Protein backbone atom coordinates (compact mmCIF):
# COMPACT_ATOMS: atom_id res chain seq x y z
CA MET A 1 23.79 98.36 -4.40
CA SER A 2 27.28 99.73 -3.93
CA LYS A 3 30.29 97.57 -3.40
CA LYS A 4 30.75 99.16 0.05
CA ASN A 5 27.32 97.93 1.22
CA LYS A 6 27.74 94.28 0.08
CA PRO A 7 29.98 93.18 3.00
CA CYS A 8 27.54 94.71 5.50
CA ILE A 9 24.55 92.94 3.96
CA LEU A 10 26.36 89.58 3.88
CA ALA A 11 27.47 90.04 7.48
CA GLY A 12 23.91 90.82 8.49
CA LEU A 13 22.54 87.71 6.76
CA LEU A 14 25.19 85.53 8.36
CA LEU A 15 24.39 86.98 11.80
CA SER A 16 20.67 86.36 11.30
CA VAL A 17 21.23 82.74 10.29
CA THR A 18 23.50 82.20 13.28
CA VAL A 19 20.89 83.62 15.68
CA LEU A 20 18.17 81.40 14.19
CA ILE A 21 20.33 78.29 14.56
CA MET A 22 21.11 79.16 18.17
CA PHE A 23 17.45 79.57 19.06
CA SER A 24 16.39 76.43 17.20
CA CYS A 25 18.99 74.35 19.07
CA ARG A 26 18.53 75.83 22.51
CA GLY A 27 19.13 72.42 24.15
CA GLN A 28 15.91 72.43 26.15
CA THR A 29 13.50 69.50 26.46
CA SER A 30 10.36 70.00 24.44
CA GLU A 31 7.02 68.38 25.20
CA GLU A 32 5.91 68.84 21.60
CA PRO A 33 6.20 65.81 19.27
CA PRO A 34 8.79 66.07 16.52
CA ILE A 35 7.62 67.47 13.23
CA HIS A 36 7.27 64.79 10.53
CA LEU A 37 7.20 66.30 7.10
CA ASN A 38 6.03 62.94 5.64
CA PRO A 39 4.56 60.79 8.43
CA ASN A 40 3.11 58.10 6.14
CA MET A 41 6.00 55.69 6.72
CA ASP A 42 5.90 56.17 10.51
CA SER A 43 2.17 56.01 11.15
CA GLN A 44 0.69 53.55 8.70
CA ASN A 45 -2.84 52.24 8.68
CA LYS A 46 -2.17 48.52 9.02
CA PHE A 47 -3.28 45.41 10.88
CA LYS A 48 -1.00 44.01 13.53
CA ALA A 49 -0.68 40.35 14.59
CA TYR A 50 -3.00 39.49 17.50
CA GLY A 51 -4.48 42.99 17.36
CA GLU A 52 -8.15 43.82 17.83
CA ASN A 53 -10.28 45.04 14.97
CA ASP A 54 -13.88 46.18 15.26
CA PHE A 55 -14.43 45.85 11.51
CA PHE A 56 -14.62 42.04 11.61
CA GLU A 57 -17.19 39.98 13.47
CA ASP A 58 -14.56 37.97 15.35
CA ARG A 59 -12.72 41.24 16.19
CA ARG A 60 -9.34 39.90 15.07
CA ASP A 61 -6.74 41.60 12.89
CA MET A 62 -5.26 38.28 11.75
CA ARG A 63 -7.28 36.78 8.89
CA HIS A 64 -7.36 33.31 7.36
CA PRO A 65 -6.60 33.17 3.61
CA PRO A 66 -9.75 32.94 1.48
CA GLU A 67 -10.88 29.36 1.03
CA GLY A 68 -9.43 27.69 -2.05
CA THR A 69 -6.59 30.17 -2.50
CA VAL A 70 -2.90 29.21 -2.69
CA ALA A 71 0.05 31.46 -1.99
CA GLN A 72 2.20 32.33 -5.00
CA GLY A 73 4.77 29.60 -5.58
CA GLU A 74 3.05 27.19 -3.19
CA LEU A 75 0.80 25.31 -5.62
CA ARG A 76 1.66 21.64 -5.16
CA GLU A 77 -0.30 19.75 -7.78
CA ASP A 78 2.23 16.90 -8.09
CA GLU A 79 1.15 14.74 -5.14
CA ALA A 80 3.73 12.05 -5.90
CA TYR A 81 6.56 14.57 -5.59
CA TYR A 82 5.30 16.66 -2.68
CA LEU A 83 3.53 13.98 -0.62
CA GLY A 84 5.22 10.74 -1.59
CA GLN A 85 1.83 9.27 -2.44
CA VAL A 86 -1.12 9.80 -4.74
CA GLY A 87 -4.29 9.53 -2.73
CA ASP A 88 -3.77 6.45 -0.56
CA THR A 89 -1.24 4.86 -2.93
CA VAL A 90 2.37 5.22 -1.81
CA VAL A 91 4.90 6.09 -4.52
CA GLY A 92 6.96 3.03 -5.42
CA LYS A 93 9.95 4.73 -7.05
CA ILE A 94 11.54 8.15 -6.70
CA PRO A 95 9.61 10.53 -9.02
CA VAL A 96 12.75 12.41 -10.12
CA PRO A 97 15.67 11.39 -12.36
CA ILE A 98 18.53 9.68 -10.53
CA THR A 99 21.66 11.69 -11.37
CA LEU A 100 25.13 11.97 -9.89
CA GLU A 101 24.25 15.45 -8.68
CA LEU A 102 21.18 14.08 -6.87
CA MET A 103 23.22 11.32 -5.22
CA GLU A 104 25.93 13.72 -4.07
CA ARG A 105 23.31 16.06 -2.64
CA GLY A 106 21.65 13.13 -0.90
CA GLN A 107 24.96 12.02 0.60
CA ASP A 108 25.63 15.54 1.86
CA ARG A 109 22.18 15.90 3.46
CA TYR A 110 22.26 12.35 4.85
CA ASN A 111 25.58 12.99 6.56
CA ILE A 112 24.19 16.17 8.12
CA TYR A 113 20.73 15.05 9.25
CA CYS A 114 20.72 11.25 9.32
CA SER A 115 24.17 9.86 10.07
CA VAL A 116 24.15 11.08 13.69
CA CYS A 117 21.59 8.35 14.44
CA HIS A 118 21.73 5.92 11.52
CA GLY A 119 25.50 5.98 11.07
CA GLU A 120 27.43 6.77 7.91
CA ALA A 121 26.79 3.29 6.51
CA GLY A 122 23.17 3.11 7.74
CA MET A 123 23.84 0.46 10.38
CA GLY A 124 22.06 2.35 13.16
CA ASP A 125 25.29 3.07 15.02
CA GLY A 126 25.51 6.87 14.81
CA VAL A 127 27.40 9.00 17.31
CA VAL A 128 24.33 9.79 19.46
CA ILE A 129 23.57 6.07 19.80
CA LYS A 130 26.98 5.60 21.39
CA ARG A 131 25.90 8.15 23.98
CA GLY A 132 22.76 6.38 25.05
CA PHE A 133 20.11 7.37 22.50
CA ILE A 134 17.66 4.62 21.52
CA PRO A 135 19.17 2.94 18.42
CA PRO A 136 17.15 3.03 15.21
CA PRO A 137 16.78 -0.08 13.03
CA SER A 138 19.50 -0.71 10.50
CA LEU A 139 18.61 0.62 7.07
CA HIS A 140 19.75 -2.76 5.76
CA ASP A 141 17.10 -4.76 7.64
CA GLN A 142 14.77 -6.58 5.28
CA ARG A 143 11.80 -4.70 6.69
CA ILE A 144 13.39 -1.39 5.65
CA LEU A 145 14.54 -2.78 2.31
CA ASP A 146 10.94 -3.73 1.55
CA LEU A 147 9.67 -0.18 2.09
CA LYS A 148 8.71 1.82 -0.97
CA ASP A 149 10.56 5.01 -1.80
CA GLY A 150 7.45 6.97 -0.86
CA ASP A 151 7.47 5.31 2.57
CA LEU A 152 11.02 6.52 3.20
CA PHE A 153 10.07 9.99 2.00
CA ASN A 154 7.09 10.10 4.35
CA ILE A 155 9.18 8.91 7.31
CA ILE A 156 11.67 11.72 6.69
CA THR A 157 8.81 14.17 6.31
CA ASN A 158 6.63 13.17 9.27
CA GLY A 159 8.95 11.17 11.53
CA ILE A 160 8.19 7.83 13.12
CA ARG A 161 8.37 6.63 16.72
CA ASN A 162 11.54 8.22 18.21
CA MET A 163 12.55 9.85 14.95
CA PRO A 164 11.35 13.48 14.66
CA ALA A 165 9.85 15.01 11.53
CA TYR A 166 12.31 16.77 9.23
CA ARG A 167 9.85 18.60 6.98
CA LYS A 168 10.97 21.96 8.39
CA GLN A 169 14.69 21.36 8.11
CA VAL A 170 14.85 19.41 4.84
CA PRO A 171 13.15 20.70 1.65
CA VAL A 172 11.19 18.30 -0.55
CA ALA A 173 13.93 18.01 -3.18
CA ASP A 174 16.51 17.15 -0.53
CA ARG A 175 14.24 14.49 1.00
CA TRP A 176 14.12 12.68 -2.33
CA ALA A 177 17.89 13.07 -2.64
CA ILE A 178 18.29 11.43 0.78
CA VAL A 179 15.99 8.58 -0.28
CA ALA A 180 18.14 8.04 -3.37
CA TYR A 181 21.29 7.93 -1.27
CA ILE A 182 19.72 5.52 1.24
CA ARG A 183 18.95 3.17 -1.64
CA ALA A 184 22.59 3.43 -2.73
CA LEU A 185 23.73 2.57 0.82
CA GLN A 186 21.40 -0.41 0.89
CA LYS A 187 22.64 -1.56 -2.50
CA SER A 188 26.24 -1.32 -1.34
CA GLN A 189 25.59 -3.79 1.47
CA ASN A 190 23.15 -6.12 -0.27
CA ALA A 191 24.28 -6.27 -3.89
CA MET A 192 24.50 -9.66 -5.58
CA LEU A 193 27.75 -10.61 -7.30
CA SER A 194 25.83 -11.20 -10.50
CA GLU A 195 24.69 -7.55 -10.47
CA LEU A 196 28.25 -6.22 -10.67
CA PRO A 197 30.04 -5.51 -13.96
CA GLU A 198 32.27 -8.37 -15.04
CA ASN A 199 35.44 -6.31 -14.69
CA LYS A 200 34.56 -5.70 -11.01
CA ARG A 201 33.70 -9.27 -10.10
CA ALA A 202 37.32 -10.42 -10.44
CA GLN A 203 38.42 -7.78 -7.95
CA ILE A 204 36.05 -9.15 -5.31
CA LYS A 205 36.92 -12.80 -5.87
């Protein structure tokens, strides 16, 4: 190939490519579906929620998990921790160590979810009560003081009377943290002088 012919060949190739591009992008509406070089991600064989499926006797796409199976990470063998009771026996004491971190977490969650009704000190005088909502009992009533820690946990979990369930909003660990903080609130209002350290008793007297 001579040097004189190279520019002509390159010009011809460039012209051919330009013509092909023009015809491929002619701007007209096509009734043909687009070409998918790898359609697997667009058209998958899968079941859809509430879809119909002739393979199963009940003709439903949605299937129940096999009996006796548990989703990964959802095994809850510790009934005391996850249910607040073992069988029919309610847990008497919080089944986790009481730490400063737990108490601070409980205070934070209590102020978010509980104080609007129960008040910051647990007196049942939260902000929504001042606007006409039915007042809850004071957390310092003897009836509430006599409840077991598992009872408080279950009330937070399942609700009671006008109080809704908080199992969806508050994880298990946070429910126990709230129980711990409620006990601290109760102690703050019902502590005996003899239970205080000696260096603190003089301050109160």
